[in-house]
N, C-alpha and C. Protein backbone atom coordinates (compact mmCIF):
# COMPACT_ATOMS: atom_id res chain seq x y z
N MET A 1 -24.65 8.84 -121.64
CA MET A 1 -23.61 7.73 -122.11
C MET A 1 -22.31 7.77 -121.35
N GLU A 2 -21.90 6.81 -120.70
CA GLU A 2 -20.78 6.58 -119.97
C GLU A 2 -19.48 6.62 -120.89
N THR A 3 -18.26 7.08 -120.39
CA THR A 3 -17.08 7.17 -121.11
C THR A 3 -16.83 5.76 -121.75
N GLY A 4 -16.49 5.89 -123.08
CA GLY A 4 -16.17 4.71 -123.93
C GLY A 4 -17.54 3.99 -124.42
N GLU A 5 -18.53 4.79 -124.47
CA GLU A 5 -19.83 4.18 -124.93
C GLU A 5 -20.36 5.10 -126.04
N LYS A 6 -19.68 5.93 -126.56
CA LYS A 6 -20.14 6.72 -127.72
C LYS A 6 -20.32 5.94 -128.91
N GLN A 7 -21.45 6.52 -129.76
CA GLN A 7 -21.93 5.55 -130.75
C GLN A 7 -20.90 5.97 -131.98
N GLY A 8 -20.33 5.10 -132.61
CA GLY A 8 -19.34 5.35 -133.72
C GLY A 8 -19.63 4.34 -134.74
N GLU A 9 -18.68 4.39 -135.81
CA GLU A 9 -18.70 3.36 -136.93
C GLU A 9 -18.77 1.81 -136.23
N GLY A 10 -19.62 1.10 -136.85
CA GLY A 10 -19.80 -0.23 -136.50
C GLY A 10 -20.83 -0.51 -135.50
N GLY A 11 -21.41 0.57 -135.13
CA GLY A 11 -22.81 0.55 -134.14
C GLY A 11 -22.80 0.01 -132.83
N HIS A 12 -21.40 -0.55 -132.42
CA HIS A 12 -21.37 -0.82 -130.96
C HIS A 12 -20.97 0.31 -130.04
N GLY A 13 -20.14 1.22 -130.60
CA GLY A 13 -19.97 2.49 -130.06
C GLY A 13 -18.80 2.24 -128.75
N GLN A 14 -18.08 1.02 -128.68
CA GLN A 14 -17.19 0.99 -127.64
C GLN A 14 -15.82 1.48 -128.08
N TRP A 15 -15.10 2.22 -127.29
CA TRP A 15 -13.82 2.67 -127.56
C TRP A 15 -12.72 1.79 -126.85
N CYS A 16 -11.62 1.50 -127.41
CA CYS A 16 -10.56 0.86 -126.57
C CYS A 16 -9.67 1.83 -125.61
N HIS A 17 -9.00 1.25 -124.80
CA HIS A 17 -8.29 1.96 -123.79
C HIS A 17 -7.37 3.25 -124.53
N CYS A 18 -7.02 3.08 -125.84
CA CYS A 18 -6.26 4.09 -126.39
C CYS A 18 -7.00 5.01 -127.18
N GLY A 19 -8.06 5.04 -127.19
CA GLY A 19 -9.29 5.85 -127.81
C GLY A 19 -9.55 5.64 -129.30
N LYS A 20 -9.38 4.28 -129.79
CA LYS A 20 -9.75 3.99 -131.08
C LYS A 20 -10.88 3.05 -130.94
N LEU A 21 -11.81 3.41 -132.03
CA LEU A 21 -13.08 2.29 -131.99
C LEU A 21 -12.59 0.90 -132.04
N ALA A 22 -13.26 0.14 -130.94
CA ALA A 22 -12.92 -1.29 -130.91
C ALA A 22 -13.52 -2.06 -131.99
N ARG A 23 -12.91 -3.10 -132.41
CA ARG A 23 -13.21 -3.97 -133.68
C ARG A 23 -14.10 -5.19 -132.94
N MET A 24 -15.15 -5.42 -133.70
CA MET A 24 -15.91 -6.51 -133.18
C MET A 24 -15.66 -7.71 -134.01
N GLN A 25 -15.41 -8.71 -133.19
CA GLN A 25 -15.06 -10.05 -133.67
C GLN A 25 -15.99 -11.25 -133.34
N THR A 26 -16.03 -12.42 -133.92
CA THR A 26 -16.77 -13.41 -133.37
C THR A 26 -15.87 -14.59 -132.87
N SER A 27 -16.18 -15.35 -131.80
CA SER A 27 -15.45 -16.33 -131.38
C SER A 27 -16.15 -17.76 -131.85
N TRP A 28 -15.40 -18.55 -132.52
CA TRP A 28 -15.92 -19.78 -132.83
C TRP A 28 -15.15 -20.98 -132.29
N THR A 29 -14.95 -20.72 -130.78
CA THR A 29 -14.34 -21.68 -130.18
C THR A 29 -15.56 -22.55 -129.68
N SER A 30 -15.12 -23.80 -129.11
CA SER A 30 -16.24 -24.68 -128.55
C SER A 30 -16.81 -24.07 -127.23
N SER A 31 -16.02 -23.37 -126.56
CA SER A 31 -16.69 -22.81 -125.34
C SER A 31 -17.46 -21.45 -125.65
N ASN A 32 -17.19 -20.81 -126.68
CA ASN A 32 -18.01 -19.56 -126.98
C ASN A 32 -18.49 -19.55 -128.37
N PRO A 33 -19.14 -20.49 -128.90
CA PRO A 33 -19.47 -20.55 -130.47
C PRO A 33 -20.35 -19.24 -130.76
N GLY A 34 -19.93 -18.48 -131.64
CA GLY A 34 -20.84 -17.35 -132.14
C GLY A 34 -20.82 -16.27 -131.14
N ARG A 35 -20.14 -16.08 -130.17
CA ARG A 35 -20.18 -15.14 -129.25
C ARG A 35 -19.38 -13.98 -129.51
N ARG A 36 -19.90 -12.83 -129.76
CA ARG A 36 -19.25 -11.54 -130.37
C ARG A 36 -18.41 -10.95 -129.24
N PHE A 37 -17.17 -10.44 -129.42
CA PHE A 37 -16.35 -9.70 -128.54
C PHE A 37 -15.78 -8.38 -129.20
N LEU A 38 -15.10 -7.59 -128.44
CA LEU A 38 -14.64 -6.25 -128.91
C LEU A 38 -13.03 -6.41 -128.55
N VAL A 39 -12.23 -6.03 -129.44
CA VAL A 39 -10.75 -5.98 -129.30
C VAL A 39 -10.00 -4.57 -129.82
N TYR A 40 -8.86 -4.42 -129.32
CA TYR A 40 -8.12 -3.28 -130.03
C TYR A 40 -8.26 -3.45 -131.65
N PRO A 41 -8.38 -2.34 -132.21
CA PRO A 41 -8.81 -2.33 -133.67
C PRO A 41 -7.84 -2.71 -134.55
N LYS A 42 -6.37 -2.64 -134.22
CA LYS A 42 -5.32 -3.17 -135.07
C LYS A 42 -4.73 -4.51 -134.55
N SER A 43 -5.30 -5.24 -133.79
CA SER A 43 -4.73 -6.50 -133.38
C SER A 43 -5.13 -7.44 -134.68
N LYS A 44 -4.29 -8.22 -134.96
CA LYS A 44 -4.42 -9.47 -135.85
C LYS A 44 -4.58 -10.63 -135.26
N GLY A 45 -4.32 -10.73 -134.02
CA GLY A 45 -4.31 -12.12 -133.39
C GLY A 45 -3.70 -12.06 -132.11
N ARG A 46 -3.32 -13.00 -131.46
CA ARG A 46 -2.72 -13.03 -130.14
C ARG A 46 -1.32 -12.69 -130.28
N GLY A 47 -1.00 -12.06 -129.13
CA GLY A 47 0.37 -11.52 -129.21
C GLY A 47 0.67 -10.12 -129.74
N GLU A 48 -0.29 -9.51 -130.28
CA GLU A 48 -0.32 -8.22 -130.93
C GLU A 48 -0.08 -7.23 -130.02
N LYS A 49 0.67 -6.30 -130.13
CA LYS A 49 0.90 -5.00 -129.28
C LYS A 49 -0.26 -4.24 -129.36
N GLY A 50 -0.41 -3.20 -128.60
CA GLY A 50 -1.46 -2.18 -128.68
C GLY A 50 -1.88 -2.02 -127.25
N CYS A 51 -3.12 -1.54 -126.83
CA CYS A 51 -3.74 -1.33 -125.43
C CYS A 51 -4.09 -2.83 -125.20
N ARG A 52 -4.22 -3.91 -125.74
CA ARG A 52 -4.58 -5.07 -125.42
C ARG A 52 -6.15 -5.14 -124.77
N PHE A 53 -6.85 -4.19 -125.61
CA PHE A 53 -8.34 -4.15 -125.00
C PHE A 53 -9.11 -5.49 -125.60
N PHE A 54 -9.97 -5.89 -124.62
CA PHE A 54 -10.68 -7.24 -124.80
C PHE A 54 -11.92 -6.82 -123.99
N GLN A 55 -13.12 -7.19 -124.55
CA GLN A 55 -14.29 -7.05 -123.70
C GLN A 55 -15.46 -7.88 -124.58
N TRP A 56 -16.02 -8.94 -123.79
CA TRP A 56 -17.25 -9.50 -124.48
C TRP A 56 -18.25 -8.63 -124.62
N PHE A 57 -18.89 -8.76 -125.94
CA PHE A 57 -20.00 -7.87 -126.27
C PHE A 57 -21.29 -8.58 -125.89
N ASP A 58 -21.41 -9.97 -126.21
CA ASP A 58 -22.57 -10.67 -125.89
C ASP A 58 -22.53 -11.45 -124.52
N ALA A 59 -23.69 -11.65 -124.03
CA ALA A 59 -23.49 -12.43 -122.60
C ALA A 59 -23.28 -13.86 -122.87
N GLU A 60 -22.85 -14.52 -121.95
CA GLU A 60 -22.28 -15.85 -122.01
C GLU A 60 -23.56 -16.82 -122.09
N MET A 61 -23.21 -17.73 -122.99
CA MET A 61 -24.24 -18.71 -123.61
C MET A 61 -24.46 -19.57 -122.41
N CYS A 62 -25.63 -20.18 -122.32
CA CYS A 62 -25.96 -21.34 -121.49
C CYS A 62 -25.28 -22.77 -121.95
N GLU A 63 -25.12 -23.63 -121.14
CA GLU A 63 -24.28 -24.86 -121.54
C GLU A 63 -25.02 -25.47 -122.67
N ARG A 64 -26.18 -25.53 -122.51
CA ARG A 64 -27.07 -26.14 -123.76
C ARG A 64 -26.65 -25.68 -125.00
N SER A 65 -26.66 -24.30 -125.19
CA SER A 65 -26.41 -23.56 -126.44
C SER A 65 -24.84 -23.92 -126.85
N LYS A 66 -24.06 -23.96 -125.99
CA LYS A 66 -22.52 -24.18 -126.21
C LYS A 66 -22.60 -25.74 -126.78
N SER A 67 -23.31 -26.64 -126.38
CA SER A 67 -23.25 -27.93 -126.68
C SER A 67 -23.96 -28.10 -128.01
N LEU A 68 -25.00 -27.32 -128.40
CA LEU A 68 -25.83 -27.57 -129.61
C LEU A 68 -25.16 -26.60 -130.82
N ILE A 69 -24.70 -25.65 -130.61
CA ILE A 69 -24.33 -24.84 -131.73
C ILE A 69 -23.09 -25.42 -132.58
N PRO A 70 -22.08 -25.95 -132.05
CA PRO A 70 -21.02 -26.52 -132.72
C PRO A 70 -21.64 -27.69 -133.75
N GLY A 71 -22.61 -28.53 -133.37
CA GLY A 71 -23.15 -29.58 -134.14
C GLY A 71 -23.94 -28.95 -135.18
N LEU A 72 -24.81 -28.02 -134.91
CA LEU A 72 -25.60 -27.28 -135.94
C LEU A 72 -24.68 -26.74 -136.91
N LEU A 73 -23.59 -26.07 -136.50
CA LEU A 73 -22.70 -25.57 -137.51
C LEU A 73 -22.06 -26.49 -138.44
N ARG A 74 -21.66 -27.73 -137.75
CA ARG A 74 -21.21 -28.98 -138.62
C ARG A 74 -22.09 -29.24 -139.70
N LYS A 75 -23.48 -29.44 -139.20
CA LYS A 75 -24.52 -29.77 -140.11
C LYS A 75 -24.84 -28.89 -141.31
N ILE A 76 -24.67 -27.55 -140.99
CA ILE A 76 -24.80 -26.51 -141.95
C ILE A 76 -23.73 -26.57 -142.85
N ASP A 77 -22.49 -26.71 -142.35
CA ASP A 77 -21.38 -26.92 -143.32
C ASP A 77 -21.49 -27.95 -144.28
N ARG A 78 -21.93 -29.27 -143.78
CA ARG A 78 -21.98 -30.52 -144.51
C ARG A 78 -23.07 -30.17 -145.68
N VAL A 79 -24.33 -29.44 -145.19
CA VAL A 79 -25.32 -29.28 -146.31
C VAL A 79 -24.87 -28.43 -147.38
N GLU A 80 -24.03 -27.30 -147.07
CA GLU A 80 -23.51 -26.39 -148.07
C GLU A 80 -22.77 -27.11 -148.95
N LYS A 81 -21.87 -28.01 -148.44
CA LYS A 81 -21.03 -28.85 -149.37
C LYS A 81 -21.83 -29.89 -150.35
N GLU A 82 -22.79 -30.38 -149.56
CA GLU A 82 -23.74 -31.38 -150.62
C GLU A 82 -24.23 -30.40 -151.72
N ASN A 83 -24.67 -29.16 -151.26
CA ASN A 83 -25.49 -28.28 -152.29
C ASN A 83 -24.44 -27.80 -153.39
N ALA A 84 -23.25 -27.68 -152.85
CA ALA A 84 -22.14 -27.32 -153.92
C ALA A 84 -21.88 -28.38 -154.83
N ASN A 85 -21.92 -29.71 -154.46
CA ASN A 85 -21.49 -30.72 -155.34
C ASN A 85 -22.79 -31.04 -156.28
N ILE A 86 -24.02 -30.87 -155.65
CA ILE A 86 -25.21 -31.01 -156.51
C ILE A 86 -25.12 -29.90 -157.58
N ARG A 87 -24.95 -28.72 -157.24
CA ARG A 87 -24.72 -27.59 -158.32
C ARG A 87 -23.75 -27.94 -159.42
N ALA A 88 -22.65 -28.40 -159.00
CA ALA A 88 -21.57 -28.81 -159.88
C ALA A 88 -22.04 -29.87 -160.95
N LYS A 89 -22.73 -30.94 -160.14
CA LYS A 89 -23.18 -31.94 -161.06
C LYS A 89 -24.36 -31.65 -162.00
N SER A 90 -25.18 -30.64 -161.52
CA SER A 90 -26.27 -30.06 -162.28
C SER A 90 -25.61 -29.44 -163.52
N LYS A 91 -24.71 -28.57 -163.35
CA LYS A 91 -23.83 -27.86 -164.51
C LYS A 91 -23.40 -28.88 -165.51
N ILE A 92 -22.75 -30.04 -165.18
CA ILE A 92 -22.48 -30.99 -165.95
C ILE A 92 -23.59 -31.57 -166.72
N LEU A 93 -24.72 -31.93 -166.12
CA LEU A 93 -25.60 -32.46 -166.75
C LEU A 93 -26.11 -31.54 -167.68
N TRP A 94 -26.41 -30.28 -167.33
CA TRP A 94 -27.13 -29.32 -168.51
C TRP A 94 -26.15 -29.34 -169.53
N ALA A 95 -24.72 -29.33 -169.35
CA ALA A 95 -23.86 -29.15 -170.55
C ALA A 95 -23.91 -30.60 -171.41
N ALA A 96 -23.97 -31.61 -170.84
CA ALA A 96 -24.13 -32.75 -171.50
C ALA A 96 -25.40 -32.84 -172.33
N MET A 97 -26.62 -32.41 -171.77
CA MET A 97 -27.82 -32.32 -172.44
C MET A 97 -27.78 -31.26 -173.56
N LEU A 98 -27.07 -30.08 -173.41
CA LEU A 98 -27.14 -29.08 -174.44
C LEU A 98 -26.11 -29.75 -175.70
N LEU A 99 -25.13 -30.49 -175.25
CA LEU A 99 -24.21 -31.13 -176.30
C LEU A 99 -25.13 -32.04 -176.94
N SER A 100 -25.75 -32.64 -176.45
CA SER A 100 -26.62 -33.95 -177.16
C SER A 100 -27.81 -33.26 -177.99
N TRP A 101 -28.23 -32.27 -177.56
CA TRP A 101 -29.14 -31.37 -178.43
C TRP A 101 -28.39 -30.92 -179.78
N LEU A 102 -27.10 -30.50 -179.56
CA LEU A 102 -26.37 -29.95 -180.60
C LEU A 102 -25.98 -30.96 -181.63
N VAL A 103 -25.64 -32.19 -181.03
CA VAL A 103 -25.19 -33.42 -181.94
C VAL A 103 -26.71 -33.97 -182.82
N VAL A 104 -27.72 -34.01 -181.91
CA VAL A 104 -28.92 -34.29 -182.68
C VAL A 104 -29.31 -33.22 -183.70
N PHE A 105 -29.23 -32.14 -183.49
CA PHE A 105 -29.65 -30.99 -184.55
C PHE A 105 -28.52 -31.20 -185.72
N ALA A 106 -27.26 -31.28 -185.41
CA ALA A 106 -26.34 -31.42 -186.37
C ALA A 106 -26.65 -32.77 -187.50
N MET A 107 -26.99 -33.71 -186.56
CA MET A 107 -27.27 -34.96 -187.38
C MET A 107 -28.59 -34.78 -188.43
N LYS A 108 -29.51 -34.02 -187.95
CA LYS A 108 -30.68 -33.78 -188.68
C LYS A 108 -30.41 -32.79 -189.99
N MET A 109 -29.45 -31.96 -189.68
CA MET A 109 -29.08 -30.97 -190.78
C MET A 109 -28.35 -31.68 -192.03
N ASN A 110 -27.71 -32.84 -191.60
CA ASN A 110 -27.12 -33.52 -192.67
C ASN A 110 -27.99 -34.33 -193.52
């Protein structure tokens, strides 16, 4: 194994310039959708101090993938929202059905 490639927590085994295990993150930009990269473990965003370590973990995607993935992610998001709405409506319908059964049962008891 070369320097900086020891296996550590997180499975990637890459250490930053100051000796800390790099943190893996995922890019969701249109130019690199879903592409993983390694950064200084304590950075919370741009402008953060530290050793400013940055390294792509995944190879660059082809242009076709870059154009398809954002659309697929939007479709997944839309379907998940639709499913959440259907689940909410289903709960309301079950509650209404249960309430109607209770009303019918109460009417038969009188």
